[in-house]
């Protein structure tokens, strides 16, 4: 059985709205013939916005899709956005020219289904000008298979070029010529040809159309669409809204990312950078403000990109030098960088007092988890807070955050991709940890730069806790993690703390307190561990971490 190319059905959310939390008109599902959809593209009724990627399917994927249609297999649905919004769109598809769209007329922008509809357009409407074209396609009636041809010459009669399907007279003239073969299977070939024709004429797919929704309402729907496993985002959508011969938003953001890559921060999300460009252009951080970029000239957009690029460069330098964050992998929350960049956009040279304030703001918002739920209201208030700070109306960047206390370190588990795990790693790095068994300095560079958690190990060994009936979740809480060399961790294995810590105490001697402090382990936590009292150890270790937090936040 042939397999069709991966194509996910379009996903829509009727709750997305333009007014009062409801769409002005519900998404409209229809069932359409593929030939008609292809024709609508060529007539300019369905447009491919500039955010759509170039055709990327390999030849075998094209054949797989055609085979799926011939066998009446489902190939997924298509998502359209019917709107009067003016977006820059492609003028060609599958080497075919798209007709000019009437000005002001509502059009349907193709949000999902580009590769499939491009394939159908190319297969059915190929103009036959280049032998090596991927659209030089035929169907072998005997083999019951599609194939690519490499010549403009007519193929054997039992092979029919697919672009004849749109011209019934030419197609059936070819079918009638099959009788000249004089072969015993002529009747079967004719039947196969008629079945193929009917399949492509009658094959239908589901089409969902979003009606007259704003960019702000379409954006969250758009961001859920997958194409080749890569989510399309509002960045791609806004590229189409702002594109001109002089300005390409994708290229502009890529230029900023390339600059940041030299500083090891090239992985900062494009959407975060887009928020900053919006602010630099006089708007805000939210999706509604981002939509305002369409109103600016290419010169104004280029100026906003330039100031954003400079701001991000300074913000990254600050994170590297002042916060000891070596790469984007260790940033607790990406949207912290958006606000941080706005600070450095508005203030070219920060005073020592301002630098100290920004450091406190960073640690407070990180530990409090403020950016874990950054909504439109927060975006607006944070932008105002930065402006007040930049104009010296305030001496601190005011965000509504609260000290979570020591409990956060016993409530959350250690996972490399979570914010508080990254924060614990940064806190330990700040303390310049020493190995518990050898008192040697631990190189935190690799762990921070690569986001590598292999150097982090359980203080109370996991297997030991399991033997005592402690649940895995409790064994993996943040307060139970320290940095150890692989050799020391191997020596500890699954021994009880009361066992291996005697060895530690003996070997370290007068250096014990220093080593414990560098690992954010209080004397009380150490004594609890010496008694194998895990609950008390967690409480006391959490207090030690919280103390380190207080020194950075001013809480």
Protein backbone atom coordinates (compact mmCIF):
# COMPACT_ATOMS: atom_id res chain seq x y z
CA UNK A 1 0.00 0.00 0.00
CA UNK A 2 1.39 3.42 -0.92
CA UNK A 3 1.81 6.00 1.77
CA UNK A 4 0.69 9.57 1.39
CA UNK A 5 2.95 12.47 2.43
CA UNK A 6 2.41 13.64 5.97
CA UNK A 7 -0.33 16.25 6.05
CA UNK A 8 -2.11 17.24 9.21
CA UNK A 9 -5.71 18.38 9.10
CA UNK A 10 -6.08 22.07 9.76
CA UNK A 11 -6.80 22.94 13.34
CA UNK A 12 -9.03 25.86 14.15
CA UNK A 13 -10.31 27.26 17.37
CA UNK A 14 -13.76 28.77 17.11
CA UNK A 15 -13.17 30.59 20.38
CA UNK A 16 -10.63 32.90 18.75
CA UNK A 17 -12.27 36.22 18.28
CA UNK A 18 -12.38 39.61 16.72
CA UNK A 19 -14.89 41.07 19.17
CA UNK A 20 -16.22 40.15 22.59
CA UNK A 21 -14.36 36.84 22.64
CA UNK A 22 -16.26 35.41 19.65
CA UNK A 23 -15.47 35.30 15.93
CA UNK A 24 -17.50 37.59 13.70
CA UNK A 25 -18.36 34.48 11.72
CA UNK A 26 -17.71 30.86 12.57
CA UNK A 27 -15.10 28.95 10.53
CA UNK A 28 -16.84 27.49 7.48
CA UNK A 29 -16.06 23.89 6.49
CA UNK A 30 -16.73 22.90 2.91
CA UNK A 31 -15.84 20.00 0.64
CA UNK A 32 -14.14 21.00 -2.60
CA UNK A 33 -12.82 19.24 -5.69
CA UNK A 34 -9.04 19.42 -5.90
CA UNK A 35 -9.18 20.52 -9.54
CA UNK A 36 -11.34 23.50 -8.58
CA UNK A 37 -9.01 24.46 -5.70
CA UNK A 38 -6.07 24.40 -8.10
CA UNK A 39 -7.99 26.56 -10.56
CA UNK A 40 -8.84 29.08 -7.85
CA UNK A 41 -5.15 29.47 -7.07
CA UNK A 42 -4.27 30.14 -10.70
CA UNK A 43 -7.16 32.60 -11.00
CA UNK A 44 -5.86 34.54 -7.99
CA UNK A 45 -8.79 33.71 -5.71
CA UNK A 46 -6.55 31.68 -3.37
CA UNK A 47 -3.22 33.37 -2.66
CA UNK A 48 0.01 32.13 -1.11
CA UNK A 49 1.22 34.83 1.32
CA UNK A 50 4.92 35.61 1.41
CA UNK A 51 5.23 33.78 4.74
CA UNK A 52 4.71 30.46 2.97
CA UNK A 53 7.92 28.57 2.36
CA UNK A 54 9.12 27.59 -1.07
CA UNK A 55 8.08 24.21 -2.40
CA UNK A 56 10.22 21.64 -0.61
CA UNK A 57 8.80 18.22 -1.41
CA UNK A 58 11.02 15.64 -3.01
CA UNK A 59 9.89 13.86 -6.17
CA UNK A 60 8.88 10.74 -4.28
CA UNK A 61 6.59 12.81 -2.04
CA UNK A 62 4.87 14.22 -5.13
CA UNK A 63 4.29 10.70 -6.43
CA UNK A 64 3.02 9.56 -3.03
CA UNK A 65 0.41 12.33 -2.93
CA UNK A 66 -0.81 11.54 -6.45
CA UNK A 67 -0.97 7.86 -5.55
CA UNK A 68 -3.04 8.71 -2.48
CA UNK A 69 -5.52 10.59 -4.67
CA UNK A 70 -5.67 7.77 -7.22
CA UNK A 71 -6.40 5.31 -4.42
CA UNK A 72 -8.92 7.65 -2.78
CA UNK A 73 -6.87 7.91 0.39
CA UNK A 74 -7.37 11.04 2.56
CA UNK A 75 -4.69 13.71 2.13
CA UNK A 76 -5.72 16.11 4.89
CA UNK A 77 -7.62 19.36 4.85
CA UNK A 78 -6.85 22.89 3.69
CA UNK A 79 -7.11 26.05 5.81
CA UNK A 80 -7.96 29.38 4.18
CA UNK A 81 -8.29 32.87 5.63
CA UNK A 82 -10.81 34.99 3.70
CA UNK A 83 -9.95 38.62 4.23
CA UNK A 84 -9.59 42.08 2.73
CA UNK A 85 -6.26 42.46 4.55
CA UNK A 86 -3.52 43.35 2.11
CA UNK A 87 -0.70 40.83 2.38
CA UNK A 88 2.14 40.42 -0.07
CA UNK A 89 1.69 37.15 -1.90
CA UNK A 90 3.49 34.94 -4.37
CA UNK A 91 2.80 35.44 -8.06
CA UNK A 92 3.87 31.96 -9.10
CA UNK A 93 3.10 28.42 -8.00
CA UNK A 94 4.61 25.22 -9.38
CA UNK A 95 6.28 27.17 -12.20
CA UNK A 96 2.87 28.64 -13.15
CA UNK A 97 1.86 32.29 -13.13
CA UNK A 98 -0.98 33.35 -10.80
CA UNK A 99 -3.50 35.80 -12.23
CA UNK A 100 -3.64 39.30 -10.79
CA UNK A 101 -6.25 39.71 -8.05
CA UNK A 102 -8.81 42.47 -8.32
CA UNK A 103 -7.94 45.33 -5.94
CA UNK A 104 -10.04 45.45 -2.78
CA UNK A 105 -11.69 42.14 -3.47
CA UNK A 106 -11.76 39.66 -0.57
CA UNK A 107 -9.24 36.90 -1.18
CA UNK A 108 -8.46 33.60 0.46
CA UNK A 109 -4.97 33.33 1.91
CA UNK A 110 -3.69 29.77 2.10
CA UNK A 111 -2.59 29.10 5.69
CA UNK A 112 -2.18 25.33 5.48
CA UNK A 113 -1.94 23.04 2.45
CA UNK A 114 0.71 24.75 0.32
CA UNK A 115 2.70 21.63 -0.58
CA UNK A 116 -0.40 19.62 -1.47
CA UNK A 117 -2.08 22.29 -3.58
CA UNK A 118 1.22 23.17 -5.26
CA UNK A 119 1.58 19.53 -6.25
CA UNK A 120 -1.94 19.39 -7.66
CA UNK A 121 -1.45 22.65 -9.59
CA UNK A 122 1.87 21.50 -11.00
CA UNK A 123 0.64 18.05 -11.95
CA UNK A 124 -2.57 19.17 -13.67
CA UNK A 125 -1.54 22.49 -15.20
CA UNK A 126 2.11 21.95 -16.20
CA UNK A 127 2.90 23.87 -19.39
CA UNK A 128 5.33 21.27 -20.72
CA UNK A 129 8.27 23.59 -21.38
CA UNK A 130 11.11 21.91 -19.45
CA UNK A 131 11.89 18.20 -19.70
CA UNK A 132 13.57 18.11 -16.29
CA UNK A 133 10.64 19.73 -14.51
CA UNK A 134 9.34 17.95 -11.44
CA UNK A 135 5.88 18.46 -13.00
CA UNK A 136 6.68 16.37 -16.08
CA UNK A 137 4.45 13.61 -14.75
CA UNK A 138 2.66 10.65 -16.22
CA UNK A 139 0.60 7.68 -15.11
CA UNK A 140 1.58 4.22 -16.31
CA UNK A 141 -1.68 2.36 -16.94
CA UNK A 142 0.00 -1.03 -16.96
CA UNK A 143 2.11 -0.52 -13.82
CA UNK A 144 -0.70 1.46 -12.15
CA UNK A 145 1.91 3.91 -10.91
CA UNK A 146 2.88 7.55 -11.34
CA UNK A 147 6.30 8.46 -12.67
CA UNK A 148 8.49 11.42 -13.60
CA UNK A 149 9.45 11.70 -17.27
CA UNK A 150 12.74 13.17 -18.48
CA UNK A 151 11.78 14.08 -22.05
CA UNK A 152 9.26 16.30 -23.83
CA UNK A 153 8.66 13.57 -26.39
CA UNK A 154 5.40 11.66 -26.20
CA UNK A 155 5.72 8.67 -23.85
CA UNK A 156 4.46 5.19 -24.82
CA UNK A 157 0.69 5.07 -25.28
CA UNK A 158 0.16 3.18 -22.03
CA UNK A 159 1.57 6.23 -20.20
CA UNK A 160 -0.61 9.38 -19.98
CA UNK A 161 0.72 12.80 -19.01
CA UNK A 162 -1.30 14.16 -16.10
CA UNK A 163 -1.67 17.64 -17.56
CA UNK A 164 -4.08 16.13 -20.11
CA UNK A 165 -6.64 15.52 -17.34
CA UNK A 166 -7.78 19.16 -17.38
CA UNK A 167 -8.58 18.82 -21.11
CA UNK A 168 -11.10 15.96 -21.44
CA UNK A 169 -10.99 15.96 -25.25
CA UNK A 170 -7.20 15.57 -25.33
CA UNK A 171 -7.32 12.98 -22.56
CA UNK A 172 -9.90 10.74 -24.19
CA UNK A 173 -8.33 11.15 -27.61
CA UNK A 174 -5.28 9.56 -26.01
CA UNK A 175 -7.47 6.86 -24.46
CA UNK A 176 -9.06 6.05 -27.82
CA UNK A 177 -5.60 5.70 -29.37
CA UNK A 178 -4.91 2.80 -27.00
CA UNK A 179 -6.76 0.53 -29.44
CA UNK A 180 -3.88 0.96 -31.90
CA UNK A 181 -1.72 -1.01 -29.51
CA UNK A 182 -3.52 -4.18 -30.55
CA UNK A 183 -2.63 -5.63 -27.15
CA UNK A 184 -4.87 -8.11 -25.28
CA UNK A 185 -5.04 -5.77 -22.26
CA UNK A 186 -6.42 -2.75 -24.17
CA UNK A 187 -9.85 -2.96 -22.55
CA UNK A 188 -8.25 -3.04 -19.09
CA UNK A 189 -6.03 -0.06 -19.97
CA UNK A 190 -9.03 1.95 -21.15
CA UNK A 191 -10.93 1.15 -17.98
CA UNK A 192 -7.92 2.12 -15.88
CA UNK A 193 -7.58 5.43 -17.77
CA UNK A 194 -11.26 6.30 -17.26
CA UNK A 195 -11.03 5.45 -13.55
CA UNK A 196 -7.97 7.71 -13.18
CA UNK A 197 -9.76 10.57 -14.96
CA UNK A 198 -12.87 10.24 -12.77
CA UNK A 199 -10.77 10.07 -9.61
CA UNK A 200 -8.96 13.35 -10.29
CA UNK A 201 -12.16 15.06 -11.46
CA UNK A 202 -14.19 13.93 -8.46
CA UNK A 203 -11.62 13.78 -5.64
CA UNK A 204 -12.61 16.14 -2.83
CA UNK A 205 -10.93 17.44 0.30
CA UNK A 206 -12.17 19.36 3.30
CA UNK A 207 -11.57 23.10 3.23
CA UNK A 208 -11.98 25.27 6.34
CA UNK A 209 -12.33 29.01 5.72
CA UNK A 210 -11.81 31.65 8.42
CA UNK A 211 -13.94 34.67 7.57
CA UNK A 212 -12.91 38.32 8.04
CA UNK A 213 -10.86 37.75 11.18
CA UNK A 214 -8.19 40.22 12.26
CA UNK A 215 -4.51 39.33 12.21
CA UNK A 216 -4.61 39.30 16.01
CA UNK A 217 -7.41 36.70 15.97
CA UNK A 218 -5.86 34.58 13.21
CA UNK A 219 -2.35 34.57 14.75
CA UNK A 220 -2.98 31.98 17.53
CA UNK A 221 -4.74 29.69 15.05
CA UNK A 222 -1.93 30.16 12.58
CA UNK A 223 0.71 29.33 15.20
CA UNK A 224 -0.84 25.91 15.81
CA UNK A 225 -0.42 24.87 12.19
CA UNK A 226 2.45 22.50 11.50
CA UNK A 227 4.36 22.33 8.27
CA UNK A 228 7.00 19.60 8.06
CA UNK A 229 7.07 19.57 11.86
CA UNK A 230 8.02 23.27 11.96
CA UNK A 231 5.37 25.53 13.49
CA UNK A 232 4.47 28.60 11.44
CA UNK A 233 4.29 31.68 13.64
CA UNK A 234 3.10 35.26 13.68
CA UNK A 235 6.61 36.16 12.47
CA UNK A 236 5.81 34.45 9.15
CA UNK A 237 2.40 36.10 9.05
CA UNK A 238 3.84 39.57 9.63
CA UNK A 239 6.45 38.97 6.97
CA UNK A 240 3.62 38.87 4.47
CA UNK A 241 2.02 41.97 6.00
CA UNK A 242 5.19 44.08 5.81
CA UNK A 243 7.04 42.67 2.82
CA UNK A 244 8.37 44.94 0.10
CA UNK A 245 11.21 44.89 -2.38
CA UNK A 246 13.19 46.93 0.17
CA UNK A 247 12.26 45.05 3.36
CA UNK A 248 11.89 41.41 4.34
CA UNK A 249 11.06 40.84 8.02
CA UNK A 250 12.44 37.29 8.04
CA UNK A 251 15.77 38.48 6.67
CA UNK A 252 15.85 41.36 9.16
CA UNK A 253 15.30 39.06 12.15
CA UNK A 254 17.78 36.54 10.75
CA UNK A 255 20.39 39.30 10.60
CA UNK A 256 19.83 40.03 14.30
CA UNK A 257 20.02 36.31 15.14
CA UNK A 258 23.26 35.96 13.18
CA UNK A 259 24.79 38.83 15.16
CA UNK A 260 23.68 37.22 18.43
CA UNK A 261 25.07 33.85 17.33
CA UNK A 262 28.53 35.34 17.55
CA UNK A 263 27.80 35.87 21.24
CA UNK A 264 26.17 32.39 21.62
CA UNK A 265 22.64 33.81 21.86
CA UNK A 266 21.46 33.08 18.33
CA UNK A 267 18.72 30.76 19.60
CA UNK A 268 16.56 33.55 21.02
CA UNK A 269 13.09 33.07 19.54
CA UNK A 270 12.16 35.09 16.47
CA UNK A 271 8.85 36.07 18.07
CA UNK A 272 10.69 37.68 21.00
CA UNK A 273 12.76 39.75 18.58
CA UNK A 274 9.57 40.67 16.70
CA UNK A 275 8.04 42.00 19.93
CA UNK A 276 11.07 44.22 20.38
CA UNK A 277 10.91 45.48 16.79
CA UNK A 278 7.28 46.39 17.39
CA UNK A 279 8.24 48.41 20.48
CA UNK A 280 11.09 50.10 18.63
CA UNK A 281 8.62 51.13 15.91
CA UNK A 282 6.49 52.92 18.51
CA UNK A 283 4.14 50.05 19.35
CA UNK A 284 4.10 47.46 22.10
CA UNK A 285 4.99 43.86 22.79
CA UNK A 286 1.55 42.30 22.18
CA UNK A 287 0.21 40.66 19.03
CA UNK A 288 -2.24 43.53 18.56
CA UNK A 289 0.64 46.00 18.61
CA UNK A 290 2.74 43.84 16.33
CA UNK A 291 0.00 44.08 13.70
CA UNK A 292 0.65 47.83 13.63
CA UNK A 293 3.96 47.18 11.86
CA UNK A 294 2.05 46.94 8.57
CA UNK A 295 1.40 50.69 8.76
CA UNK A 296 5.08 51.61 8.64
CA UNK A 297 7.23 52.31 5.62
CA UNK A 298 10.19 50.10 4.80
CA UNK A 299 12.49 52.90 6.01
CA UNK A 300 10.74 53.07 9.37
CA UNK A 301 10.87 49.30 9.73
CA UNK A 302 14.58 49.24 8.91
CA UNK A 303 15.21 51.91 11.58
CA UNK A 304 13.28 49.86 14.16
CA UNK A 305 15.27 46.74 13.25
CA UNK A 306 18.56 48.62 13.57
CA UNK A 307 17.78 49.94 17.06
CA UNK A 308 16.52 46.48 18.09
CA UNK A 309 19.73 44.88 16.88
CA UNK A 310 21.83 47.32 18.91
CA UNK A 311 19.64 46.81 21.99
CA UNK A 312 19.88 43.02 21.81
CA UNK A 313 23.63 43.19 21.45
CA UNK A 314 23.92 45.24 24.65
CA UNK A 315 21.34 43.08 26.46
CA UNK A 316 23.29 39.93 25.61
CA UNK A 317 26.52 41.52 26.82
CA UNK A 318 24.76 42.35 30.08
CA UNK A 319 23.53 38.78 30.53
CA UNK A 320 27.00 37.41 29.84
CA UNK A 321 28.97 39.75 32.09
CA UNK A 322 26.53 40.74 34.83
CA UNK A 323 24.44 37.58 35.16
CA UNK A 324 27.01 34.99 34.01
CA UNK A 325 24.57 33.55 31.48
CA UNK A 326 26.81 32.13 28.74
CA UNK A 327 24.21 31.27 26.08
CA UNK A 328 20.53 31.45 25.20
CA UNK A 329 20.09 27.88 26.49
CA UNK A 330 20.35 29.08 30.08
CA UNK A 331 17.88 32.00 29.90
CA UNK A 332 15.04 31.16 32.32
CA UNK A 333 12.33 32.92 30.30
CA UNK A 334 12.79 34.20 26.74
CA UNK A 335 10.43 37.13 27.28
CA UNK A 336 12.75 38.45 29.98
CA UNK A 337 15.05 39.29 27.09
CA UNK A 338 12.27 41.32 25.41
CA UNK A 339 11.96 43.61 28.42
CA UNK A 340 15.71 43.64 28.99
CA UNK A 341 16.31 44.69 25.39
CA UNK A 342 13.80 47.52 25.80
CA UNK A 343 15.84 48.78 28.75
CA UNK A 344 18.99 48.87 26.63
CA UNK A 345 17.15 50.42 23.70
CA UNK A 346 15.95 53.33 25.82
CA UNK A 347 19.13 53.71 27.90
CA UNK A 348 22.34 53.70 25.91
CA UNK A 349 24.65 53.76 28.92
CA UNK A 350 23.43 52.48 32.30
CA UNK A 351 24.88 53.88 35.52
CA UNK A 352 26.17 51.45 38.18
CA UNK A 353 22.98 52.06 40.18
CA UNK A 354 20.84 51.29 37.14
CA UNK A 355 22.80 48.12 36.42
CA UNK A 356 22.21 46.96 39.99
CA UNK A 357 18.48 47.66 39.61
CA UNK A 358 18.29 45.67 36.38
CA UNK A 359 20.12 42.77 38.02
CA UNK A 360 17.61 42.76 40.88
CA UNK A 361 14.72 42.93 38.40
CA UNK A 362 16.08 39.96 36.48
CA UNK A 363 16.45 37.72 39.51
CA UNK A 364 13.12 38.77 41.03
CA UNK A 365 11.10 38.10 37.89
CA UNK A 366 12.97 34.85 37.24
CA UNK A 367 12.57 33.33 40.71
CA UNK A 368 8.96 34.52 41.02
CA UNK A 369 8.13 32.87 37.68
CA UNK A 370 6.63 36.15 36.49
CA UNK A 371 7.21 35.48 32.79
CA UNK A 372 5.65 32.04 32.98
CA UNK A 373 2.26 33.70 32.40
CA UNK A 374 3.16 36.89 30.54
CA UNK A 375 -0.12 38.22 29.16
CA UNK A 376 -1.13 41.37 27.27
CA UNK A 377 -1.72 43.29 30.49
CA UNK A 378 1.74 42.39 31.78
CA UNK A 379 3.28 43.43 28.48
CA UNK A 380 1.76 46.87 28.66
CA UNK A 381 2.64 47.45 32.32
CA UNK A 382 6.21 46.22 31.81
CA UNK A 383 6.72 48.56 28.87
CA UNK A 384 5.48 51.50 30.98
CA UNK A 385 7.72 50.39 33.87
CA UNK A 386 10.78 50.37 31.62
CA UNK A 387 9.90 53.81 30.26
CA UNK A 388 9.54 55.18 33.80
CA UNK A 389 12.89 53.64 34.71
CA UNK A 390 14.57 55.01 31.60
CA UNK A 391 13.27 58.53 32.24
CA UNK A 392 14.44 58.37 35.87
CA UNK A 393 10.89 58.60 37.19
CA UNK A 394 11.55 55.33 39.01
CA UNK A 395 14.74 53.88 40.42
CA UNK A 396 13.56 50.30 39.94
CA UNK A 397 11.79 48.46 37.11
CA UNK A 398 8.52 47.79 38.80
CA UNK A 399 6.91 44.40 38.19
CA UNK A 400 4.30 42.84 40.42
CA UNK A 401 6.30 39.92 41.80
CA UNK A 402 6.45 38.21 45.15
CA UNK A 403 9.13 36.19 46.88
CA UNK A 404 8.07 32.54 46.62
CA UNK A 405 10.29 31.77 49.62
CA UNK A 406 12.17 28.55 50.20
CA UNK A 407 9.20 26.35 49.32
CA UNK A 408 9.77 26.70 45.58
CA UNK A 409 12.97 24.64 45.82
CA UNK A 410 11.19 21.66 47.39
CA UNK A 411 8.09 21.92 45.20
CA UNK A 412 9.65 21.79 41.74
CA UNK A 413 11.61 19.00 40.13
CA UNK A 414 14.97 19.22 38.41
CA UNK A 415 14.54 19.13 34.63
CA UNK A 416 16.99 20.75 32.26
CA UNK A 417 14.38 22.69 30.29
CA UNK A 418 12.48 24.25 33.20
CA UNK A 419 13.02 27.82 34.36
CA UNK A 420 13.76 27.09 38.00
CA UNK A 421 16.22 24.33 37.13
CA UNK A 422 18.08 26.88 35.00
CA UNK A 423 17.92 29.35 37.88
CA UNK A 424 19.36 26.80 40.32
CA UNK A 425 22.17 26.11 37.86
CA UNK A 426 22.91 29.85 37.63
CA UNK A 427 22.83 30.21 41.43
CA UNK A 428 25.29 27.37 41.86
CA UNK A 429 27.52 28.80 39.16
CA UNK A 430 27.46 32.17 40.96
CA UNK A 431 28.71 30.39 44.08
CA UNK A 432 31.64 28.82 42.19
CA UNK A 433 30.97 25.29 43.50
CA UNK A 434 33.65 22.98 44.82
CA UNK A 435 33.50 19.21 44.53
CA UNK A 436 32.17 17.68 47.74
CA UNK A 437 34.69 14.88 47.87
CA UNK A 438 37.83 16.59 46.58
CA UNK A 439 37.20 20.34 47.16
CA UNK A 440 38.41 20.92 43.60
CA UNK A 441 36.75 23.70 41.60
CA UNK A 442 34.02 22.46 39.27
CA UNK A 443 34.05 23.85 35.75
CA UNK A 444 30.54 25.20 35.32
CA UNK A 445 31.18 26.48 31.80
CA UNK A 446 30.11 23.37 29.90
CA UNK A 447 27.01 22.85 32.02
CA UNK A 448 25.85 26.42 31.50
CA UNK A 449 26.85 26.88 27.88
CA UNK A 450 25.32 23.66 26.59
CA UNK A 451 22.49 23.43 29.10
CA UNK A 452 24.12 20.15 30.12
CA UNK A 453 22.77 18.57 33.32
CA UNK A 454 25.21 15.65 33.51
CA UNK A 455 27.27 17.43 36.16
CA UNK A 456 24.25 17.72 38.44
CA UNK A 457 23.57 14.86 40.82
CA UNK A 458 21.36 13.92 43.76
CA UNK A 459 22.84 14.80 47.17
CA UNK A 460 20.69 12.03 48.68
CA UNK A 461 21.29 9.31 46.03
CA UNK A 462 18.15 8.41 44.12
CA UNK A 463 18.59 4.66 44.55
CA UNK A 464 19.11 5.12 48.29
CA UNK A 465 15.88 7.13 48.55
CA UNK A 466 14.04 4.51 46.49
CA UNK A 467 15.16 1.82 48.92
CA UNK A 468 13.63 3.89 51.71
CA UNK A 469 10.31 4.18 49.92
CA UNK A 470 10.71 7.81 48.86
CA UNK A 471 8.76 8.59 45.70
CA UNK A 472 10.76 9.45 42.57
CA UNK A 473 9.09 12.86 42.32
CA UNK A 474 10.21 13.79 45.82
CA UNK A 475 13.71 12.44 45.20
CA UNK A 476 14.06 14.72 42.17
CA UNK A 477 13.17 18.04 43.75
CA UNK A 478 15.56 20.94 43.14
CA UNK A 479 16.80 21.11 46.73
CA UNK A 480 18.33 17.65 46.37
CA UNK A 481 20.71 18.62 43.54
CA UNK A 482 24.35 19.66 43.65
CA UNK A 483 27.20 19.79 41.14
CA UNK A 484 29.61 16.86 41.30
CA UNK A 485 32.34 15.52 39.09
CA UNK A 486 31.56 12.21 37.43
CA UNK A 487 34.31 10.55 39.48
CA UNK A 488 32.89 11.73 42.80
CA UNK A 489 29.38 10.73 41.83
CA UNK A 490 30.68 7.25 41.02
CA UNK A 491 32.28 7.01 44.48
CA UNK A 492 29.02 7.99 46.16
CA UNK A 493 26.82 5.66 44.04
CA UNK A 494 23.83 4.66 46.18
CA UNK A 495 25.40 5.06 49.60
CA UNK A 496 23.50 6.62 52.48
CA UNK A 497 24.51 10.26 53.15
CA UNK A 498 25.51 9.30 56.70
CA UNK A 499 28.02 6.92 55.12
CA UNK A 500 29.66 8.97 52.39
CA UNK A 501 29.51 12.27 54.31
CA UNK A 502 31.73 10.81 57.04
CA UNK A 503 34.30 10.35 54.31
CA UNK A 504 33.69 13.91 53.13
CA UNK A 505 34.06 15.35 56.61
CA UNK A 506 37.29 13.47 57.18
CA UNK A 507 38.91 14.34 53.86
CA UNK A 508 37.91 18.00 53.76
CA UNK A 509 38.76 18.80 57.34
CA UNK A 510 38.93 22.59 57.76
CA UNK A 511 37.68 23.12 54.20
CA UNK A 512 34.29 21.54 54.94
CA UNK A 513 32.37 24.76 55.67
CA UNK A 514 33.79 26.45 52.58
CA UNK A 515 32.84 23.56 50.30
CA UNK A 516 29.34 23.37 51.78
CA UNK A 517 28.79 27.11 51.36
CA UNK A 518 29.92 27.00 47.75
CA UNK A 519 27.23 24.35 47.16
CA UNK A 520 24.54 26.36 48.98
CA UNK A 521 24.36 23.75 51.74
CA UNK A 522 23.90 25.15 55.23
CA UNK A 523 25.44 23.61 58.34
CA UNK A 524 21.93 22.58 59.43
CA UNK A 525 21.31 20.83 56.10
CA UNK A 526 24.61 18.97 56.42
CA UNK A 527 23.79 17.79 59.94
CA UNK A 528 20.35 16.57 58.79
CA UNK A 529 22.03 14.61 56.01
CA UNK A 530 24.46 13.08 58.49
CA UNK A 531 21.38 11.69 60.24
CA UNK A 532 19.85 10.53 56.92
CA UNK A 533 16.91 12.84 57.63
CA UNK A 534 15.79 13.64 54.09
CA UNK A 535 12.81 15.82 54.99
CA UNK A 536 14.82 18.07 57.28
CA UNK A 537 17.68 18.20 54.76
CA UNK A 538 15.30 19.45 52.06
CA UNK A 539 13.91 22.15 54.32
CA UNK A 540 17.34 23.37 55.38
CA UNK A 541 18.86 23.17 51.89
CA UNK A 542 15.93 25.14 50.50
CA UNK A 543 16.62 27.83 53.08
CA UNK A 544 20.21 27.97 51.92
CA UNK A 545 19.17 28.44 48.30
CA UNK A 546 16.61 31.05 49.32
CA UNK A 547 19.33 32.93 51.17
CA UNK A 548 21.40 33.06 47.99
CA UNK A 549 18.34 34.35 46.15
CA UNK A 550 17.83 37.08 48.74
CA UNK A 551 21.35 38.36 48.25
CA UNK A 552 20.64 38.82 44.52
CA UNK A 553 17.08 40.12 44.68
CA UNK A 554 17.22 42.32 47.75
CA UNK A 555 14.22 40.44 49.17
